[in-house]
Amino acid sequence: MLFKGCLHFATWAATELAKELFSNPSSPQDAANNANAYFREFANQWCKWVELENEGKNVETTELICSMIRTTESNVPAGEMDIQRLGKLALQINCRMPTMRGAFIELINR
């Protein structure tokens, strides 16, 4: 249900704010489709994060987050320089995830 709500919001935002969010959307529907694709990709990446976190693979979780941050900047995959540049931010995000996850679960349970 939460995923559907987020997807609905992404679709609405892409449709209503297409010119602000996308460099050159040909139509509001194309923009909405792009938003859905980006959202699904991010959701898939977070699923990988959970697996890596459960396996205790801290370096890999940080690299995954660096890669996810990089996708907001460019379609070019993250390179070693990107991982070094984004590493501190990714580590901060990674260290805060258990707290955010707990707060998120609490919010959902309300």
PDB file of N, CA and C in Angstrom:
ATOM      1  N   MET A   1       0.819  -1.186   0.000  1.00  0.00           N
ATOM      2  CA  MET A   1       0.000   0.000   0.000  1.00  0.00           C
ATOM      3  C   MET A   1       0.866   1.253   0.000  1.00  0.00           C
ATOM      4  N   LEU A   2       1.916   1.256   0.823  1.00  0.00           N
ATOM      5  CA  LEU A   2       2.797   2.404   0.881  1.00  0.00           C
ATOM      6  C   LEU A   2       3.495   2.605  -0.457  1.00  0.00           C
ATOM      7  N   PHE A   3       3.970   1.502  -1.036  1.00  0.00           N
ATOM      8  CA  PHE A   3       4.650   1.582  -2.338  1.00  0.00           C
ATOM      9  C   PHE A   3       3.702   2.168  -3.383  1.00  0.00           C
ATOM     10  N   LYS A   4       2.459   1.721  -3.388  1.00  0.00           N
ATOM     11  CA  LYS A   4       1.482   2.255  -4.352  1.00  0.00           C
ATOM     12  C   LYS A   4       1.247   3.741  -4.119  1.00  0.00           C
ATOM     13  N   GLY A   5       1.200   4.151  -2.867  1.00  0.00           N
ATOM     14  CA  GLY A   5       1.026   5.571  -2.563  1.00  0.00           C
ATOM     15  C   GLY A   5       2.198   6.400  -3.059  1.00  0.00           C
ATOM     16  N   CYS A   6       3.401   5.902  -2.854  1.00  0.00           N
ATOM     17  CA  CYS A   6       4.592   6.609  -3.337  1.00  0.00           C
ATOM     18  C   CYS A   6       4.603   6.660  -4.857  1.00  0.00           C
ATOM     19  N   LEU A   7       4.226   5.571  -5.482  1.00  0.00           N
ATOM     20  CA  LEU A   7       4.170   5.521  -6.936  1.00  0.00           C
ATOM     21  C   LEU A   7       3.117   6.486  -7.464  1.00  0.00           C
ATOM     22  N   HIS A   8       1.977   6.558  -6.787  1.00  0.00           N
ATOM     23  CA  HIS A   8       0.930   7.494  -7.180  1.00  0.00           C
ATOM     24  C   HIS A   8       1.435   8.936  -7.060  1.00  0.00           C
ATOM     25  N   PHE A   9       2.136   9.232  -5.969  1.00  0.00           N
ATOM     26  CA  PHE A   9       2.682  10.572  -5.788  1.00  0.00           C
ATOM     27  C   PHE A   9       3.706  10.885  -6.873  1.00  0.00           C
ATOM     28  N   ALA A  10       4.587   9.939  -7.170  1.00  0.00           N
ATOM     29  CA  ALA A  10       5.601  10.153  -8.221  1.00  0.00           C
ATOM     30  C   ALA A  10       4.933  10.421  -9.565  1.00  0.00           C
ATOM     31  N   THR A  11       3.872   9.682  -9.854  1.00  0.00           N
ATOM     32  CA  THR A  11       3.133   9.886 -11.104  1.00  0.00           C
ATOM     33  C   THR A  11       2.502  11.268 -11.130  1.00  0.00           C
ATOM     34  N   TRP A  12       1.874  11.659 -10.033  1.00  0.00           N
ATOM     35  CA  TRP A  12       1.254  12.983  -9.964  1.00  0.00           C
ATOM     36  C   TRP A  12       2.305  14.078 -10.145  1.00  0.00           C
ATOM     37  N   ALA A  13       3.412  13.969  -9.402  1.00  0.00           N
ATOM     38  CA  ALA A  13       4.449  14.993  -9.464  1.00  0.00           C
ATOM     39  C   ALA A  13       5.031  15.090 -10.869  1.00  0.00           C
ATOM     40  N   ALA A  14       5.268  13.948 -11.499  1.00  0.00           N
ATOM     41  CA  ALA A  14       5.838  13.957 -12.845  1.00  0.00           C
ATOM     42  C   ALA A  14       4.869  14.541 -13.860  1.00  0.00           C
ATOM     43  N   THR A  15       3.595  14.285 -13.670  1.00  0.00           N
ATOM     44  CA  THR A  15       2.593  14.809 -14.596  1.00  0.00           C
ATOM     45  C   THR A  15       2.416  16.313 -14.407  1.00  0.00           C
ATOM     46  N   GLU A  16       2.293  16.734 -13.169  1.00  0.00           N
ATOM     47  CA  GLU A  16       2.030  18.147 -12.877  1.00  0.00           C
ATOM     48  C   GLU A  16       3.276  19.020 -12.961  1.00  0.00           C
ATOM     49  N   LEU A  17       4.426  18.441 -12.697  1.00  0.00           N
ATOM     50  CA  LEU A  17       5.667  19.214 -12.641  1.00  0.00           C
ATOM     51  C   LEU A  17       6.690  18.727 -13.671  1.00  0.00           C
ATOM     52  N   ALA A  18       6.214  18.209 -14.777  1.00  0.00           N
ATOM     53  CA  ALA A  18       7.093  17.593 -15.774  1.00  0.00           C
ATOM     54  C   ALA A  18       8.218  18.517 -16.221  1.00  0.00           C
ATOM     55  N   LYS A  19       7.893  19.763 -16.512  1.00  0.00           N
ATOM     56  CA  LYS A  19       8.913  20.688 -17.003  1.00  0.00           C
ATOM     57  C   LYS A  19       9.964  21.003 -15.943  1.00  0.00           C
ATOM     58  N   GLU A  20       9.568  21.010 -14.684  1.00  0.00           N
ATOM     59  CA  GLU A  20      10.509  21.294 -13.604  1.00  0.00           C
ATOM     60  C   GLU A  20      11.374  20.082 -13.252  1.00  0.00           C
ATOM     61  N   LEU A  21      10.825  18.872 -13.413  1.00  0.00           N
ATOM     62  CA  LEU A  21      11.530  17.673 -12.980  1.00  0.00           C
ATOM     63  C   LEU A  21      12.356  16.991 -14.058  1.00  0.00           C
ATOM     64  N   PHE A  22      11.957  17.127 -15.312  1.00  0.00           N
ATOM     65  CA  PHE A  22      12.628  16.410 -16.393  1.00  0.00           C
ATOM     66  C   PHE A  22      13.153  17.394 -17.421  1.00  0.00           C
ATOM     67  N   SER A  23      14.310  17.064 -17.985  1.00  0.00           N
ATOM     68  CA  SER A  23      14.981  18.008 -18.872  1.00  0.00           C
ATOM     69  C   SER A  23      14.196  18.303 -20.143  1.00  0.00           C
ATOM     70  N   ASN A  24      13.500  17.304 -20.691  1.00  0.00           N
ATOM     71  CA  ASN A  24      12.793  17.563 -21.941  1.00  0.00           C
ATOM     72  C   ASN A  24      11.681  16.538 -22.148  1.00  0.00           C
ATOM     73  N   PRO A  25      10.661  16.536 -21.299  1.00  0.00           N
ATOM     74  CA  PRO A  25       9.598  15.540 -21.482  1.00  0.00           C
ATOM     75  C   PRO A  25       8.778  15.846 -22.733  1.00  0.00           C
ATOM     76  N   SER A  26       8.472  14.811 -23.490  1.00  0.00           N
ATOM     77  CA  SER A  26       7.667  15.036 -24.693  1.00  0.00           C
ATOM     78  C   SER A  26       6.183  15.147 -24.357  1.00  0.00           C
ATOM     79  N   SER A  27       5.772  14.562 -23.247  1.00  0.00           N
ATOM     80  CA  SER A  27       4.386  14.662 -22.829  1.00  0.00           C
ATOM     81  C   SER A  27       4.293  14.386 -21.326  1.00  0.00           C
ATOM     82  N   PRO A  28       3.223  14.820 -20.691  1.00  0.00           N
ATOM     83  CA  PRO A  28       3.052  14.503 -19.268  1.00  0.00           C
ATOM     84  C   PRO A  28       3.062  12.992 -19.007  1.00  0.00           C
ATOM     85  N   GLN A  29       2.493  12.200 -19.928  1.00  0.00           N
ATOM     86  CA  GLN A  29       2.488  10.751 -19.725  1.00  0.00           C
ATOM     87  C   GLN A  29       3.898  10.182 -19.785  1.00  0.00           C
ATOM     88  N   ASP A  30       4.719  10.685 -20.721  1.00  0.00           N
ATOM     89  CA  ASP A  30       6.113  10.239 -20.772  1.00  0.00           C
ATOM     90  C   ASP A  30       6.836  10.595 -19.477  1.00  0.00           C
ATOM     91  N   ALA A  31       6.582  11.789 -18.975  1.00  0.00           N
ATOM     92  CA  ALA A  31       7.192  12.206 -17.720  1.00  0.00           C
ATOM     93  C   ALA A  31       6.758  11.291 -16.580  1.00  0.00           C
ATOM     94  N   ALA A  32       5.471  10.960 -16.535  1.00  0.00           N
ATOM     95  CA  ALA A  32       4.969  10.062 -15.491  1.00  0.00           C
ATOM     96  C   ALA A  32       5.607   8.682 -15.610  1.00  0.00           C
ATOM     97  N   ASN A  33       5.740   8.188 -16.824  1.00  0.00           N
ATOM     98  CA  ASN A  33       6.388   6.887 -17.027  1.00  0.00           C
ATOM     99  C   ASN A  33       7.832   6.928 -16.561  1.00  0.00           C
ATOM    100  N   ASN A  34       8.528   8.026 -16.857  1.00  0.00           N
ATOM    101  CA  ASN A  34       9.912   8.166 -16.399  1.00  0.00           C
ATOM    102  C   ASN A  34       9.983   8.187 -14.881  1.00  0.00           C
ATOM    103  N   ALA A  35       9.071   8.909 -14.248  1.00  0.00           N
ATOM    104  CA  ALA A  35       9.064   8.968 -12.789  1.00  0.00           C
ATOM    105  C   ALA A  35       8.831   7.585 -12.199  1.00  0.00           C
ATOM    106  N   ASN A  36       7.901   6.837 -12.781  1.00  0.00           N
ATOM    107  CA  ASN A  36       7.639   5.483 -12.292  1.00  0.00           C
ATOM    108  C   ASN A  36       8.875   4.609 -12.433  1.00  0.00           C
ATOM    109  N   ALA A  37       9.560   4.725 -13.559  1.00  0.00           N
ATOM    110  CA  ALA A  37      10.758   3.912 -13.785  1.00  0.00           C
ATOM    111  C   ALA A  37      11.849   4.266 -12.776  1.00  0.00           C
ATOM    112  N   TYR A  38      12.056   5.569 -12.544  1.00  0.00           N
ATOM    113  CA  TYR A  38      13.068   5.987 -11.566  1.00  0.00           C
ATOM    114  C   TYR A  38      12.703   5.508 -10.162  1.00  0.00           C
ATOM    115  N   PHE A  39      11.434   5.642  -9.804  1.00  0.00           N
ATOM    116  CA  PHE A  39      11.001   5.234  -8.470  1.00  0.00           C
ATOM    117  C   PHE A  39      11.182   3.726  -8.284  1.00  0.00           C
ATOM    118  N   ARG A  40      10.790   2.953  -9.277  1.00  0.00           N
ATOM    119  CA  ARG A  40      10.946   1.493  -9.185  1.00  0.00           C
ATOM    120  C   ARG A  40      12.419   1.102  -9.070  1.00  0.00           C
ATOM    121  N   GLU A  41      13.276   1.773  -9.812  1.00  0.00           N
ATOM    122  CA  GLU A  41      14.708   1.479  -9.745  1.00  0.00           C
ATOM    123  C   GLU A  41      15.250   1.786  -8.346  1.00  0.00           C
ATOM    124  N   PHE A  42      14.856   2.927  -7.773  1.00  0.00           N
ATOM    125  CA  PHE A  42      15.294   3.246  -6.421  1.00  0.00           C
ATOM    126  C   PHE A  42      14.766   2.224  -5.420  1.00  0.00           C
ATOM    127  N   ALA A  43      13.531   1.793  -5.579  1.00  0.00           N
ATOM    128  CA  ALA A  43      12.974   0.777  -4.675  1.00  0.00           C
ATOM    129  C   ALA A  43      13.761  -0.525  -4.784  1.00  0.00           C
ATOM    130  N   ASN A  44      14.134  -0.906  -5.987  1.00  0.00           N
ATOM    131  CA  ASN A  44      14.936  -2.114  -6.176  1.00  0.00           C
ATOM    132  C   ASN A  44      16.302  -1.979  -5.513  1.00  0.00           C
ATOM    133  N   GLN A  45      16.886  -0.788  -5.624  1.00  0.00           N
ATOM    134  CA  GLN A  45      18.187  -0.565  -4.993  1.00  0.00           C
ATOM    135  C   GLN A  45      18.089  -0.664  -3.480  1.00  0.00           C
ATOM    136  N   TRP A  46      17.011  -0.119  -2.904  1.00  0.00           N
ATOM    137  CA  TRP A  46      16.866  -0.208  -1.455  1.00  0.00           C
ATOM    138  C   TRP A  46      16.671  -1.655  -1.011  1.00  0.00           C
ATOM    139  N   CYS A  47      16.052  -2.470  -1.844  1.00  0.00           N
ATOM    140  CA  CYS A  47      15.926  -3.896  -1.520  1.00  0.00           C
ATOM    141  C   CYS A  47      17.310  -4.532  -1.433  1.00  0.00           C
ATOM    142  N   LYS A  48      18.197  -4.143  -2.339  1.00  0.00           N
ATOM    143  CA  LYS A  48      19.578  -4.649  -2.295  1.00  0.00           C
ATOM    144  C   LYS A  48      20.270  -4.178  -1.022  1.00  0.00           C
ATOM    145  N   TRP A  49      19.985  -2.942  -0.618  1.00  0.00           N
ATOM    146  CA  TRP A  49      20.591  -2.429   0.608  1.00  0.00           C
ATOM    147  C   TRP A  49      20.216  -3.304   1.798  1.00  0.00           C
ATOM    148  N   VAL A  50      18.938  -3.672   1.894  1.00  0.00           N
ATOM    149  CA  VAL A  50      18.476  -4.505   3.013  1.00  0.00           C
ATOM    150  C   VAL A  50      19.240  -5.827   3.036  1.00  0.00           C
ATOM    151  N   GLU A  51      19.396  -6.449   1.877  1.00  0.00           N
ATOM    152  CA  GLU A  51      20.130  -7.716   1.806  1.00  0.00           C
ATOM    153  C   GLU A  51      21.581  -7.543   2.264  1.00  0.00           C
ATOM    154  N   LEU A  52      22.235  -6.503   1.754  1.00  0.00           N
ATOM    155  CA  LEU A  52      23.635  -6.255   2.131  1.00  0.00           C
ATOM    156  C   LEU A  52      23.757  -5.937   3.617  1.00  0.00           C
ATOM    157  N   GLU A  53      22.817  -5.158   4.128  1.00  0.00           N
ATOM    158  CA  GLU A  53      22.821  -4.805   5.552  1.00  0.00           C
ATOM    159  C   GLU A  53      22.658  -6.054   6.414  1.00  0.00           C
ATOM    160  N   ASN A  54      21.748  -6.916   6.035  1.00  0.00           N
ATOM    161  CA  ASN A  54      21.531  -8.158   6.790  1.00  0.00           C
ATOM    162  C   ASN A  54      22.749  -9.068   6.764  1.00  0.00           C
ATOM    163  N   GLU A  55      23.524  -8.988   5.703  1.00  0.00           N
ATOM    164  CA  GLU A  55      24.740  -9.796   5.570  1.00  0.00           C
ATOM    165  C   GLU A  55      25.949  -9.120   6.213  1.00  0.00           C
ATOM    166  N   GLY A  56      25.768  -7.903   6.734  1.00  0.00           N
ATOM    167  CA  GLY A  56      26.860  -7.191   7.387  1.00  0.00           C
ATOM    168  C   GLY A  56      27.910  -6.665   6.420  1.00  0.00           C
ATOM    169  N   LYS A  57      27.534  -6.432   5.187  1.00  0.00           N
ATOM    170  CA  LYS A  57      28.470  -5.964   4.161  1.00  0.00           C
ATOM    171  C   LYS A  57      28.461  -4.435   4.119  1.00  0.00           C
ATOM    172  N   ASN A  58      29.177  -3.840   5.077  1.00  0.00           N
ATOM    173  CA  ASN A  58      29.153  -2.386   5.242  1.00  0.00           C
ATOM    174  C   ASN A  58      29.754  -1.637   4.066  1.00  0.00           C
ATOM    175  N   VAL A  59      30.855  -2.108   3.537  1.00  0.00           N
ATOM    176  CA  VAL A  59      31.488  -1.435   2.399  1.00  0.00           C
ATOM    177  C   VAL A  59      30.544  -1.441   1.203  1.00  0.00           C
ATOM    178  N   GLU A  60      29.914  -2.575   0.961  1.00  0.00           N
ATOM    179  CA  GLU A  60      29.001  -2.699  -0.171  1.00  0.00           C
ATOM    180  C   GLU A  60      27.762  -1.821  -0.010  1.00  0.00           C
ATOM    181  N   THR A  61      27.256  -1.690   1.243  1.00  0.00           N
ATOM    182  CA  THR A  61      26.093  -0.833   1.445  1.00  0.00           C
ATOM    183  C   THR A  61      26.439   0.622   1.155  1.00  0.00           C
ATOM    184  N   THR A  62      27.619   1.046   1.589  1.00  0.00           N
ATOM    185  CA  THR A  62      28.052   2.422   1.325  1.00  0.00           C
ATOM    186  C   THR A  62      28.237   2.649  -0.169  1.00  0.00           C
ATOM    187  N   GLU A  63      28.834   1.695  -0.864  1.00  0.00           N
ATOM    188  CA  GLU A  63      29.022   1.823  -2.310  1.00  0.00           C
ATOM    189  C   GLU A  63      27.677   1.860  -3.042  1.00  0.00           C
ATOM    190  N   LEU A  64      26.717   1.067  -2.580  1.00  0.00           N
ATOM    191  CA  LEU A  64      25.385   1.074  -3.185  1.00  0.00           C
ATOM    192  C   LEU A  64      24.734   2.444  -3.027  1.00  0.00           C
ATOM    193  N   ILE A  65      24.820   3.009  -1.840  1.00  0.00           N
ATOM    194  CA  ILE A  65      24.232   4.325  -1.607  1.00  0.00           C
ATOM    195  C   ILE A  65      24.940   5.378  -2.452  1.00  0.00           C
ATOM    196  N   CYS A  66      26.257   5.300  -2.573  1.00  0.00           N
ATOM    197  CA  CYS A  66      26.994   6.215  -3.457  1.00  0.00           C
ATOM    198  C   CYS A  66      26.458   6.114  -4.880  1.00  0.00           C
ATOM    199  N   SER A  67      26.252   4.911  -5.324  1.00  0.00           N
ATOM    200  CA  SER A  67      25.747   4.683  -6.678  1.00  0.00           C
ATOM    201  C   SER A  67      24.347   5.283  -6.844  1.00  0.00           C
ATOM    202  N   MET A  68      23.518   5.133  -5.822  1.00  0.00           N
ATOM    203  CA  MET A  68      22.160   5.683  -5.882  1.00  0.00           C
ATOM    204  C   MET A  68      22.192   7.210  -5.912  1.00  0.00           C
ATOM    205  N   ILE A  69      23.058   7.806  -5.108  1.00  0.00           N
ATOM    206  CA  ILE A  69      23.184   9.259  -5.118  1.00  0.00           C
ATOM    207  C   ILE A  69      23.661   9.711  -6.491  1.00  0.00           C
ATOM    208  N   ARG A  70      24.611   8.990  -7.056  1.00  0.00           N
ATOM    209  CA  ARG A  70      25.163   9.348  -8.368  1.00  0.00           C
ATOM    210  C   ARG A  70      24.080   9.353  -9.441  1.00  0.00           C
ATOM    211  N   THR A  71      23.096   8.466  -9.360  1.00  0.00           N
ATOM    212  CA  THR A  71      22.042   8.429 -10.382  1.00  0.00           C
ATOM    213  C   THR A  71      21.199   9.692 -10.383  1.00  0.00           C
ATOM    214  N   THR A  72      21.218  10.442  -9.279  1.00  0.00           N
ATOM    215  CA  THR A  72      20.484  11.709  -9.264  1.00  0.00           C
ATOM    216  C   THR A  72      21.247  12.796  -9.998  1.00  0.00           C
ATOM    217  N   GLU A  73      22.530  12.569 -10.235  1.00  0.00           N
ATOM    218  CA  GLU A  73      23.372  13.540 -10.922  1.00  0.00           C
ATOM    219  C   GLU A  73      23.539  13.233 -12.401  1.00  0.00           C
ATOM    220  N   SER A  74      23.588  11.941 -12.727  1.00  0.00           N
ATOM    221  CA  SER A  74      23.942  11.544 -14.087  1.00  0.00           C
ATOM    222  C   SER A  74      23.484  10.116 -14.346  1.00  0.00           C
ATOM    223  N   ASN A  75      23.300   9.794 -15.630  1.00  0.00           N
ATOM    224  CA  ASN A  75      22.984   8.415 -16.017  1.00  0.00           C
ATOM    225  C   ASN A  75      24.241   7.560 -16.127  1.00  0.00           C
ATOM    226  N   VAL A  76      25.402   8.198 -16.024  1.00  0.00           N
ATOM    227  CA  VAL A  76      26.675   7.478 -16.078  1.00  0.00           C
ATOM    228  C   VAL A  76      26.874   6.771 -14.738  1.00  0.00           C
ATOM    229  N   PRO A  77      27.228   5.484 -14.762  1.00  0.00           N
ATOM    230  CA  PRO A  77      27.430   4.756 -13.505  1.00  0.00           C
ATOM    231  C   PRO A  77      28.517   5.399 -12.639  1.00  0.00           C
ATOM    232  N   ALA A  78      28.405   5.201 -11.343  1.00  0.00           N
ATOM    233  CA  ALA A  78      29.382   5.746 -10.403  1.00  0.00           C
ATOM    234  C   ALA A  78      30.741   5.107 -10.630  1.00  0.00           C
ATOM    235  N   GLY A  79      31.732   5.950 -10.674  1.00  0.00           N
ATOM    236  CA  GLY A  79      33.116   5.480 -10.774  1.00  0.00           C
ATOM    237  C   GLY A  79      33.800   5.601  -9.428  1.00  0.00           C
ATOM    238  N   GLU A  80      35.065   5.225  -9.383  1.00  0.00           N
ATOM    239  CA  GLU A  80      35.823   5.262  -8.135  1.00  0.00           C
ATOM    240  C   GLU A  80      35.872   6.683  -7.553  1.00  0.00           C
ATOM    241  N   MET A  81      36.041   7.687  -8.413  1.00  0.00           N
ATOM    242  CA  MET A  81      36.089   9.075  -7.925  1.00  0.00           C
ATOM    243  C   MET A  81      34.748   9.492  -7.326  1.00  0.00           C
ATOM    244  N   ASP A  82      33.648   9.012  -7.929  1.00  0.00           N
ATOM    245  CA  ASP A  82      32.326   9.324  -7.383  1.00  0.00           C
ATOM    246  C   ASP A  82      32.145   8.688  -6.015  1.00  0.00           C
ATOM    247  N   ILE A  83      32.599   7.462  -5.885  1.00  0.00           N
ATOM    248  CA  ILE A  83      32.470   6.758  -4.601  1.00  0.00           C
ATOM    249  C   ILE A  83      33.282   7.463  -3.528  1.00  0.00           C
ATOM    250  N   GLN A  84      34.486   7.926  -3.878  1.00  0.00           N
ATOM    251  CA  GLN A  84      35.294   8.687  -2.915  1.00  0.00           C
ATOM    252  C   GLN A  84      34.620  10.006  -2.561  1.00  0.00           C
ATOM    253  N   ARG A  85      34.107  10.700  -3.563  1.00  0.00           N
ATOM    254  CA  ARG A  85      33.479  12.006  -3.361  1.00  0.00           C
ATOM    255  C   ARG A  85      32.203  11.901  -2.528  1.00  0.00           C
ATOM    256  N   LEU A  86      31.417  10.862  -2.762  1.00  0.00           N
ATOM    257  CA  LEU A  86      30.126  10.702  -2.097  1.00  0.00           C
ATOM    258  C   LEU A  86      30.177   9.809  -0.867  1.00  0.00           C
ATOM    259  N   GLY A  87      31.350   9.255  -0.581  1.00  0.00           N
ATOM    260  CA  GLY A  87      31.488   8.270   0.489  1.00  0.00           C
ATOM    261  C   GLY A  87      31.044   8.747   1.862  1.00  0.00           C
ATOM    262  N   LYS A  88      31.436   9.962   2.258  1.00  0.00           N
ATOM    263  CA  LYS A  88      31.058  10.451   3.590  1.00  0.00           C
ATOM    264  C   LYS A  88      29.544  10.606   3.719  1.00  0.00           C
ATOM    265  N   LEU A  89      28.924  11.176   2.693  1.00  0.00           N
ATOM    266  CA  LEU A  89      27.473  11.326   2.711  1.00  0.00           C
ATOM    267  C   LEU A  89      26.787   9.961   2.749  1.00  0.00           C
ATOM    268  N   ALA A  90      27.258   9.040   1.936  1.00  0.00           N
ATOM    269  CA  ALA A  90      26.675   7.696   1.903  1.00  0.00           C
ATOM    270  C   ALA A  90      26.828   7.000   3.247  1.00  0.00           C
ATOM    271  N   LEU A  91      27.971   7.167   3.885  1.00  0.00           N
ATOM    272  CA  LEU A  91      28.190   6.556   5.193  1.00  0.00           C
ATOM    273  C   LEU A  91      27.239   7.144   6.228  1.00  0.00           C
ATOM    274  N   GLN A  92      27.029   8.463   6.180  1.00  0.00           N
ATOM    275  CA  GLN A  92      26.080   9.084   7.108  1.00  0.00           C
ATOM    276  C   GLN A  92      24.674   8.539   6.895  1.00  0.00           C
ATOM    277  N   ILE A  93      24.278   8.421   5.638  1.00  0.00           N
ATOM    278  CA  ILE A  93      22.952   7.874   5.335  1.00  0.00           C
ATOM    279  C   ILE A  93      22.867   6.440   5.829  1.00  0.00           C
ATOM    280  N   ASN A  94      23.893   5.660   5.535  1.00  0.00           N
ATOM    281  CA  ASN A  94      23.910   4.251   5.917  1.00  0.00           C
ATOM    282  C   ASN A  94      23.808   4.089   7.435  1.00  0.00           C
ATOM    283  N   CYS A  95      24.510   4.923   8.181  1.00  0.00           N
ATOM    284  CA  CYS A  95      24.488   4.826   9.643  1.00  0.00           C
ATOM    285  C   CYS A  95      23.151   5.250  10.238  1.00  0.00           C
ATOM    286  N   ARG A  96      22.429   6.083   9.516  1.00  0.00           N
ATOM    287  CA  ARG A  96      21.136   6.556  10.025  1.00  0.00           C
ATOM    288  C   ARG A  96      19.969   5.667   9.597  1.00  0.00           C
ATOM    289  N   MET A  97      20.211   4.761   8.702  1.00  0.00           N
ATOM    290  CA  MET A  97      19.121   3.929   8.186  1.00  0.00           C
ATOM    291  C   MET A  97      18.386   3.137   9.256  1.00  0.00           C
ATOM    292  N   PRO A  98      19.074   2.509  10.210  1.00  0.00           N
ATOM    293  CA  PRO A  98      18.294   1.770  11.237  1.00  0.00           C
ATOM    294  C   PRO A  98      17.325   2.671  11.991  1.00  0.00           C
ATOM    295  N   THR A  99      17.735   3.889  12.321  1.00  0.00           N
ATOM    296  CA  THR A  99      16.855   4.820  13.017  1.00  0.00           C
ATOM    297  C   THR A  99      15.695   5.232  12.118  1.00  0.00           C
ATOM    298  N   MET A 100      16.003   5.548  10.856  1.00  0.00           N
ATOM    299  CA  MET A 100      14.937   5.939   9.919  1.00  0.00           C
ATOM    300  C   MET A 100      13.982   4.780   9.678  1.00  0.00           C
ATOM    301  N   ARG A 101      14.530   3.565   9.567  1.00  0.00           N
ATOM    302  CA  ARG A 101      13.678   2.399   9.345  1.00  0.00           C
ATOM    303  C   ARG A 101      12.735   2.208  10.528  1.00  0.00           C
ATOM    304  N   GLY A 102      13.261   2.351  11.752  1.00  0.00           N
ATOM    305  CA  GLY A 102      12.416   2.208  12.929  1.00  0.00           C
ATOM    306  C   GLY A 102      11.320   3.255  12.972  1.00  0.00           C
ATOM    307  N   ALA A 103      11.668   4.502  12.649  1.00  0.00           N
ATOM    308  CA  ALA A 103      10.662   5.568  12.630  1.00  0.00           C
ATOM    309  C   ALA A 103       9.625   5.329  11.557  1.00  0.00           C
ATOM    310  N   PHE A 104      10.069   4.856  10.417  1.00  0.00           N
ATOM    311  CA  PHE A 104       9.170   4.576   9.299  1.00  0.00           C
ATOM    312  C   PHE A 104       8.204   3.458   9.664  1.00  0.00           C
ATOM    313  N   ILE A 105       8.696   2.398  10.278  1.00  0.00           N
ATOM    314  CA  ILE A 105       7.839   1.283  10.697  1.00  0.00           C
ATOM    315  C   ILE A 105       6.822   1.749  11.726  1.00  0.00           C
ATOM    316  N   GLU A 106       7.278   2.586  12.663  1.00  0.00           N
ATOM    317  CA  GLU A 106       6.365   3.132  13.652  1.00  0.00           C
ATOM    318  C   GLU A 106       5.266   3.971  12.999  1.00  0.00           C
ATOM    319  N   LEU A 107       5.636   4.769  12.013  1.00  0.00           N
ATOM    320  CA  LEU A 107       4.668   5.577  11.288  1.00  0.00           C
ATOM    321  C   LEU A 107       3.644   4.708  10.556  1.00  0.00           C
ATOM    322  N   ILE A 108       4.104   3.654   9.922  1.00  0.00           N
ATOM    323  CA  ILE A 108       3.209   2.750   9.197  1.00  0.00           C
ATOM    324  C   ILE A 108       2.237   2.047  10.149  1.00  0.00           C
ATOM    325  N   ASN A 109       2.723   1.693  11.317  1.00  0.00           N
ATOM    326  CA  ASN A 109       1.884   0.967  12.278  1.00  0.00           C
ATOM    327  C   ASN A 109       0.809   1.831  12.921  1.00  0.00           C
ATOM    328  N   ARG A 110       0.886   3.129  12.738  1.00  0.00           N
ATOM    329  CA  ARG A 110      -0.128   4.018  13.353  1.00  0.00           C
ATOM    330  C   ARG A 110      -1.408   3.988  12.621  1.00  0.00           C
TER     331      ARG A 110
END
